[in-house]
Amino acid sequence: MKDIHYSVKANQSTKQQALEVIRQLKESMQIQRAHMRLRFMLPAKEGKKLKEKLKPLIKVIESEDFDEQLEMVCLIDPGCFREVDELIRCETKGKGTLEVLSLKDVEEGEEKFE
């Protein structure tokens, strides 16, 4: 925060200030949100068409198994979680399952911070 000359304001909410700091830090540093790792199991009947609807929301598909049901492990942006959850619940009428495997999946680079 010193590098971008940001000072804390007592009359602003912490959330507002955090969002502002993150926005400013993105301009000077290469930072991004960590992805969530999810596993979902979908019935075979809905699996194929639902996979096509989910594709735009998925960042990386790590594994995919399609036997009697579609089982997929993938990474998504945390902001898309609610949309993915609602899509799976509505389209499968409660027969599909969604499991959060990891809330923060981060790739570490070679750069060090002081």
N, C-alpha and C. Protein backbone atom coordinates (compact mmCIF):
# COMPACT_ATOMS: atom_id res chain seq x y z
N MET A 1 0.82 -1.19 0.00
CA MET A 1 0.00 0.00 0.00
C MET A 1 0.87 1.26 0.00
N LYS A 2 2.06 1.13 0.58
CA LYS A 2 2.97 2.29 0.56
C LYS A 2 3.38 2.62 -0.86
N ASP A 3 3.63 1.59 -1.67
CA ASP A 3 4.10 1.80 -3.04
C ASP A 3 3.09 2.55 -3.90
N ILE A 4 1.81 2.35 -3.64
CA ILE A 4 0.79 3.04 -4.45
C ILE A 4 0.27 4.29 -3.74
N HIS A 5 0.89 4.64 -2.58
CA HIS A 5 0.55 5.84 -1.82
C HIS A 5 -0.92 5.85 -1.40
N TYR A 6 -1.35 4.74 -0.82
CA TYR A 6 -2.74 4.63 -0.35
C TYR A 6 -2.76 4.76 1.16
N SER A 7 -3.63 5.61 1.65
CA SER A 7 -3.79 5.75 3.11
C SER A 7 -5.20 5.33 3.51
N VAL A 8 -5.30 4.74 4.67
CA VAL A 8 -6.58 4.24 5.18
C VAL A 8 -7.46 5.42 5.56
N LYS A 9 -8.74 5.31 5.20
CA LYS A 9 -9.72 6.36 5.51
C LYS A 9 -10.67 5.83 6.58
N ALA A 10 -10.75 6.52 7.70
CA ALA A 10 -11.56 6.07 8.83
C ALA A 10 -13.06 6.13 8.55
N ASN A 11 -13.48 7.01 7.65
CA ASN A 11 -14.91 7.17 7.39
C ASN A 11 -15.44 6.29 6.25
N GLN A 12 -14.61 5.43 5.67
CA GLN A 12 -15.04 4.52 4.60
C GLN A 12 -15.04 3.09 5.12
N SER A 13 -15.92 2.25 4.58
CA SER A 13 -15.97 0.86 5.03
C SER A 13 -14.71 0.12 4.59
N THR A 14 -14.36 -0.90 5.35
CA THR A 14 -13.15 -1.67 5.05
C THR A 14 -13.29 -2.39 3.72
N LYS A 15 -14.48 -2.86 3.41
CA LYS A 15 -14.69 -3.58 2.13
C LYS A 15 -14.45 -2.63 0.95
N GLN A 16 -15.01 -1.44 1.03
CA GLN A 16 -14.81 -0.46 -0.05
C GLN A 16 -13.33 -0.16 -0.23
N GLN A 17 -12.63 0.04 0.86
CA GLN A 17 -11.21 0.36 0.79
C GLN A 17 -10.40 -0.81 0.25
N ALA A 18 -10.73 -2.03 0.68
CA ALA A 18 -10.02 -3.21 0.20
C ALA A 18 -10.19 -3.36 -1.31
N LEU A 19 -11.41 -3.18 -1.80
CA LEU A 19 -11.66 -3.28 -3.23
C LEU A 19 -10.89 -2.22 -4.01
N GLU A 20 -10.83 -1.01 -3.46
CA GLU A 20 -10.08 0.08 -4.09
C GLU A 20 -8.59 -0.22 -4.12
N VAL A 21 -8.05 -0.73 -3.01
CA VAL A 21 -6.62 -1.06 -2.95
C VAL A 21 -6.29 -2.17 -3.95
N ILE A 22 -7.12 -3.18 -4.00
CA ILE A 22 -6.88 -4.30 -4.94
C ILE A 22 -6.89 -3.79 -6.37
N ARG A 23 -7.86 -2.93 -6.69
CA ARG A 23 -7.93 -2.37 -8.05
C ARG A 23 -6.65 -1.61 -8.38
N GLN A 24 -6.16 -0.81 -7.46
CA GLN A 24 -4.94 -0.03 -7.69
C GLN A 24 -3.71 -0.92 -7.75
N LEU A 25 -3.66 -1.96 -6.91
CA LEU A 25 -2.52 -2.87 -6.93
C LEU A 25 -2.45 -3.66 -8.23
N LYS A 26 -3.61 -3.97 -8.80
CA LYS A 26 -3.63 -4.70 -10.08
C LYS A 26 -2.94 -3.91 -11.18
N GLU A 27 -2.99 -2.59 -11.08
CA GLU A 27 -2.36 -1.75 -12.10
C GLU A 27 -0.83 -1.80 -12.01
N SER A 28 -0.30 -1.96 -10.79
CA SER A 28 1.15 -1.94 -10.64
C SER A 28 1.77 -3.33 -10.43
N MET A 29 0.98 -4.31 -10.04
CA MET A 29 1.47 -5.68 -9.82
C MET A 29 0.59 -6.66 -10.58
N GLN A 30 1.16 -7.80 -10.85
CA GLN A 30 0.37 -8.83 -11.53
C GLN A 30 -0.26 -9.72 -10.46
N ILE A 31 -1.51 -9.39 -10.08
CA ILE A 31 -2.24 -10.19 -9.11
C ILE A 31 -3.59 -10.57 -9.70
N GLN A 32 -4.11 -11.70 -9.25
CA GLN A 32 -5.43 -12.15 -9.69
C GLN A 32 -6.04 -13.00 -8.60
N ARG A 33 -7.36 -13.20 -8.69
CA ARG A 33 -8.05 -14.01 -7.70
C ARG A 33 -7.67 -15.47 -7.86
N ALA A 34 -7.59 -16.18 -6.74
CA ALA A 34 -7.33 -17.61 -6.77
C ALA A 34 -8.59 -18.32 -7.25
N HIS A 35 -8.41 -19.44 -7.93
CA HIS A 35 -9.54 -20.21 -8.44
C HIS A 35 -10.04 -21.20 -7.39
N MET A 36 -11.29 -21.61 -7.53
CA MET A 36 -11.88 -22.65 -6.67
C MET A 36 -11.81 -23.96 -7.43
N ARG A 37 -11.48 -25.05 -6.73
CA ARG A 37 -11.49 -26.38 -7.34
C ARG A 37 -12.80 -27.05 -6.94
N LEU A 38 -13.56 -27.49 -7.94
CA LEU A 38 -14.87 -28.12 -7.72
C LEU A 38 -14.91 -29.51 -8.33
N ARG A 39 -15.73 -30.37 -7.75
CA ARG A 39 -16.05 -31.66 -8.38
C ARG A 39 -17.57 -31.71 -8.47
N PHE A 40 -18.07 -31.98 -9.67
CA PHE A 40 -19.49 -32.21 -9.77
C PHE A 40 -19.78 -33.50 -10.49
N MET A 41 -20.88 -34.13 -10.03
CA MET A 41 -21.35 -35.38 -10.62
C MET A 41 -22.76 -35.14 -11.12
N LEU A 42 -22.93 -35.40 -12.40
CA LEU A 42 -24.20 -35.13 -13.05
C LEU A 42 -24.75 -36.41 -13.68
N PRO A 43 -26.07 -36.61 -13.63
CA PRO A 43 -26.65 -37.78 -14.30
C PRO A 43 -26.33 -37.75 -15.79
N ALA A 44 -26.17 -38.93 -16.37
CA ALA A 44 -25.76 -39.04 -17.78
C ALA A 44 -26.72 -38.29 -18.71
N LYS A 45 -28.01 -38.36 -18.40
CA LYS A 45 -29.01 -37.75 -19.28
C LYS A 45 -28.80 -36.24 -19.41
N GLU A 46 -28.58 -35.56 -18.29
CA GLU A 46 -28.39 -34.10 -18.32
C GLU A 46 -26.93 -33.70 -18.49
N GLY A 47 -26.02 -34.64 -18.26
CA GLY A 47 -24.59 -34.34 -18.24
C GLY A 47 -24.06 -33.67 -19.47
N LYS A 48 -24.42 -34.20 -20.65
CA LYS A 48 -23.86 -33.68 -21.89
C LYS A 48 -24.30 -32.24 -22.17
N LYS A 49 -25.60 -31.99 -22.05
CA LYS A 49 -26.09 -30.63 -22.36
C LYS A 49 -25.69 -29.64 -21.28
N LEU A 50 -25.62 -30.11 -20.03
CA LEU A 50 -25.22 -29.23 -18.94
C LEU A 50 -23.74 -28.87 -19.03
N LYS A 51 -22.93 -29.79 -19.50
CA LYS A 51 -21.50 -29.52 -19.67
C LYS A 51 -21.29 -28.36 -20.63
N GLU A 52 -22.07 -28.30 -21.69
CA GLU A 52 -21.96 -27.21 -22.66
C GLU A 52 -22.34 -25.86 -22.03
N LYS A 53 -23.33 -25.88 -21.14
CA LYS A 53 -23.73 -24.64 -20.46
C LYS A 53 -22.69 -24.20 -19.44
N LEU A 54 -21.99 -25.18 -18.85
CA LEU A 54 -20.99 -24.88 -17.82
C LEU A 54 -19.65 -24.44 -18.40
N LYS A 55 -19.37 -24.85 -19.64
CA LYS A 55 -18.05 -24.57 -20.25
C LYS A 55 -17.61 -23.11 -20.16
N PRO A 56 -18.48 -22.13 -20.45
CA PRO A 56 -18.02 -20.74 -20.36
C PRO A 56 -17.63 -20.31 -18.95
N LEU A 57 -18.14 -20.99 -17.93
CA LEU A 57 -17.87 -20.62 -16.55
C LEU A 57 -16.62 -21.31 -16.00
N ILE A 58 -16.17 -22.37 -16.68
CA ILE A 58 -15.04 -23.16 -16.21
C ILE A 58 -13.74 -22.60 -16.78
N LYS A 59 -12.74 -22.42 -15.92
CA LYS A 59 -11.43 -21.95 -16.38
C LYS A 59 -10.59 -23.11 -16.88
N VAL A 60 -10.49 -24.21 -16.10
CA VAL A 60 -9.66 -25.36 -16.45
C VAL A 60 -10.39 -26.64 -16.05
N ILE A 61 -10.45 -27.61 -16.95
CA ILE A 61 -10.98 -28.93 -16.62
C ILE A 61 -9.80 -29.81 -16.29
N GLU A 62 -9.73 -30.29 -15.04
CA GLU A 62 -8.60 -31.10 -14.60
C GLU A 62 -8.81 -32.58 -14.90
N SER A 63 -10.03 -33.07 -14.69
CA SER A 63 -10.32 -34.46 -15.03
C SER A 63 -11.79 -34.60 -15.37
N GLU A 64 -12.07 -35.58 -16.19
CA GLU A 64 -13.44 -35.79 -16.65
C GLU A 64 -13.64 -37.29 -16.86
N ASP A 65 -14.72 -37.82 -16.30
CA ASP A 65 -15.04 -39.24 -16.42
C ASP A 65 -16.52 -39.36 -16.74
N PHE A 66 -16.85 -40.05 -17.83
CA PHE A 66 -18.24 -40.14 -18.26
C PHE A 66 -18.64 -41.61 -18.40
N ASP A 67 -19.05 -42.23 -17.29
CA ASP A 67 -19.56 -43.60 -17.33
C ASP A 67 -21.08 -43.52 -17.25
N GLU A 68 -21.66 -43.97 -16.13
CA GLU A 68 -23.11 -43.83 -15.98
C GLU A 68 -23.49 -42.42 -15.55
N GLN A 69 -22.49 -41.64 -15.12
CA GLN A 69 -22.70 -40.22 -14.82
C GLN A 69 -21.44 -39.44 -15.17
N LEU A 70 -21.61 -38.15 -15.37
CA LEU A 70 -20.46 -37.28 -15.68
C LEU A 70 -19.85 -36.81 -14.37
N GLU A 71 -18.57 -37.14 -14.17
CA GLU A 71 -17.84 -36.65 -13.00
C GLU A 71 -16.71 -35.76 -13.51
N MET A 72 -16.65 -34.54 -13.01
CA MET A 72 -15.67 -33.59 -13.52
C MET A 72 -15.04 -32.82 -12.36
N VAL A 73 -13.73 -32.66 -12.41
CA VAL A 73 -13.01 -31.81 -11.47
C VAL A 73 -12.49 -30.63 -12.28
N CYS A 74 -12.78 -29.42 -11.81
CA CYS A 74 -12.41 -28.24 -12.59
C CYS A 74 -12.09 -27.06 -11.69
N LEU A 75 -11.53 -26.02 -12.30
CA LEU A 75 -11.25 -24.77 -11.61
C LEU A 75 -12.18 -23.70 -12.16
N ILE A 76 -12.76 -22.91 -11.25
CA ILE A 76 -13.62 -21.80 -11.67
C ILE A 76 -13.21 -20.54 -10.92
N ASP A 77 -13.65 -19.41 -11.43
CA ASP A 77 -13.49 -18.15 -10.74
C ASP A 77 -14.51 -18.13 -9.59
N PRO A 78 -14.12 -17.74 -8.37
CA PRO A 78 -15.05 -17.75 -7.24
C PRO A 78 -16.33 -16.95 -7.48
N GLY A 79 -16.27 -15.94 -8.32
CA GLY A 79 -17.45 -15.15 -8.62
C GLY A 79 -18.51 -15.90 -9.41
N CYS A 80 -18.13 -17.02 -10.01
CA CYS A 80 -19.07 -17.82 -10.81
C CYS A 80 -19.70 -18.96 -10.01
N PHE A 81 -19.31 -19.14 -8.75
CA PHE A 81 -19.77 -20.29 -7.99
C PHE A 81 -21.29 -20.35 -7.88
N ARG A 82 -21.91 -19.23 -7.51
CA ARG A 82 -23.37 -19.21 -7.33
C ARG A 82 -24.07 -19.60 -8.62
N GLU A 83 -23.60 -19.09 -9.75
CA GLU A 83 -24.20 -19.40 -11.05
C GLU A 83 -24.06 -20.89 -11.38
N VAL A 84 -22.87 -21.46 -11.13
CA VAL A 84 -22.63 -22.90 -11.37
C VAL A 84 -23.55 -23.73 -10.49
N ASP A 85 -23.63 -23.37 -9.20
CA ASP A 85 -24.46 -24.09 -8.25
C ASP A 85 -25.93 -24.08 -8.66
N GLU A 86 -26.44 -22.90 -9.01
CA GLU A 86 -27.84 -22.79 -9.43
C GLU A 86 -28.12 -23.56 -10.71
N LEU A 87 -27.20 -23.50 -11.65
CA LEU A 87 -27.35 -24.20 -12.91
C LEU A 87 -27.44 -25.71 -12.68
N ILE A 88 -26.55 -26.24 -11.86
CA ILE A 88 -26.56 -27.68 -11.58
C ILE A 88 -27.82 -28.08 -10.82
N ARG A 89 -28.21 -27.29 -9.83
CA ARG A 89 -29.40 -27.62 -9.05
C ARG A 89 -30.67 -27.59 -9.90
N CYS A 90 -30.81 -26.55 -10.72
CA CYS A 90 -32.04 -26.39 -11.52
C CYS A 90 -32.12 -27.41 -12.65
N GLU A 91 -31.03 -27.59 -13.39
CA GLU A 91 -31.05 -28.46 -14.56
C GLU A 91 -31.17 -29.95 -14.21
N THR A 92 -30.62 -30.35 -13.05
CA THR A 92 -30.66 -31.78 -12.68
C THR A 92 -31.79 -32.08 -11.72
N LYS A 93 -32.54 -31.05 -11.32
CA LYS A 93 -33.66 -31.20 -10.38
C LYS A 93 -33.21 -31.88 -9.09
N GLY A 94 -32.03 -31.49 -8.60
CA GLY A 94 -31.52 -32.01 -7.34
C GLY A 94 -30.76 -33.32 -7.43
N LYS A 95 -30.62 -33.90 -8.63
CA LYS A 95 -29.93 -35.18 -8.78
C LYS A 95 -28.42 -35.01 -8.94
N GLY A 96 -27.97 -33.84 -9.33
CA GLY A 96 -26.53 -33.58 -9.49
C GLY A 96 -25.94 -33.13 -8.17
N THR A 97 -24.64 -33.40 -8.00
CA THR A 97 -23.96 -32.96 -6.79
C THR A 97 -22.78 -32.06 -7.13
N LEU A 98 -22.55 -31.11 -6.26
CA LEU A 98 -21.45 -30.16 -6.42
C LEU A 98 -20.66 -30.16 -5.12
N GLU A 99 -19.36 -30.36 -5.22
CA GLU A 99 -18.51 -30.43 -4.04
C GLU A 99 -17.34 -29.46 -4.21
N VAL A 100 -17.10 -28.64 -3.19
CA VAL A 100 -15.97 -27.72 -3.21
C VAL A 100 -14.76 -28.47 -2.66
N LEU A 101 -13.75 -28.67 -3.51
CA LEU A 101 -12.54 -29.39 -3.09
C LEU A 101 -11.51 -28.45 -2.48
N SER A 102 -11.42 -27.25 -3.02
CA SER A 102 -10.44 -26.29 -2.52
C SER A 102 -10.94 -24.89 -2.82
N LEU A 103 -10.84 -24.01 -1.84
CA LEU A 103 -11.28 -22.63 -2.04
C LEU A 103 -10.22 -21.77 -2.69
N LYS A 104 -8.96 -22.19 -2.61
CA LYS A 104 -7.91 -21.38 -3.21
C LYS A 104 -6.90 -22.28 -3.90
N ASP A 105 -6.92 -22.26 -5.19
CA ASP A 105 -5.96 -23.01 -5.98
C ASP A 105 -5.05 -21.99 -6.63
N VAL A 106 -3.81 -21.95 -6.16
CA VAL A 106 -2.88 -20.90 -6.58
C VAL A 106 -1.65 -21.53 -7.22
N GLU A 107 -1.20 -20.96 -8.32
CA GLU A 107 0.07 -21.34 -8.92
C GLU A 107 1.11 -20.36 -8.43
N GLU A 108 2.16 -20.88 -7.83
CA GLU A 108 3.20 -20.00 -7.32
C GLU A 108 4.24 -19.74 -8.38
N GLY A 109 4.60 -18.48 -8.53
CA GLY A 109 5.60 -18.10 -9.51
C GLY A 109 6.97 -18.02 -8.88
N GLU A 110 7.92 -17.55 -9.66
CA GLU A 110 9.28 -17.43 -9.19
C GLU A 110 9.57 -16.09 -8.52
N GLU A 111 8.65 -15.17 -8.62
CA GLU A 111 8.86 -13.83 -8.09
C GLU A 111 8.69 -13.84 -6.57
N LYS A 112 9.56 -13.14 -5.86
CA LYS A 112 9.50 -13.05 -4.40
C LYS A 112 9.09 -11.64 -4.01
N PHE A 113 8.29 -11.55 -2.95
CA PHE A 113 7.85 -10.25 -2.43
C PHE A 113 8.54 -10.00 -1.10
N GLU A 114 8.86 -8.74 -0.83
CA GLU A 114 9.52 -8.38 0.43
C GLU A 114 8.54 -7.78 1.38
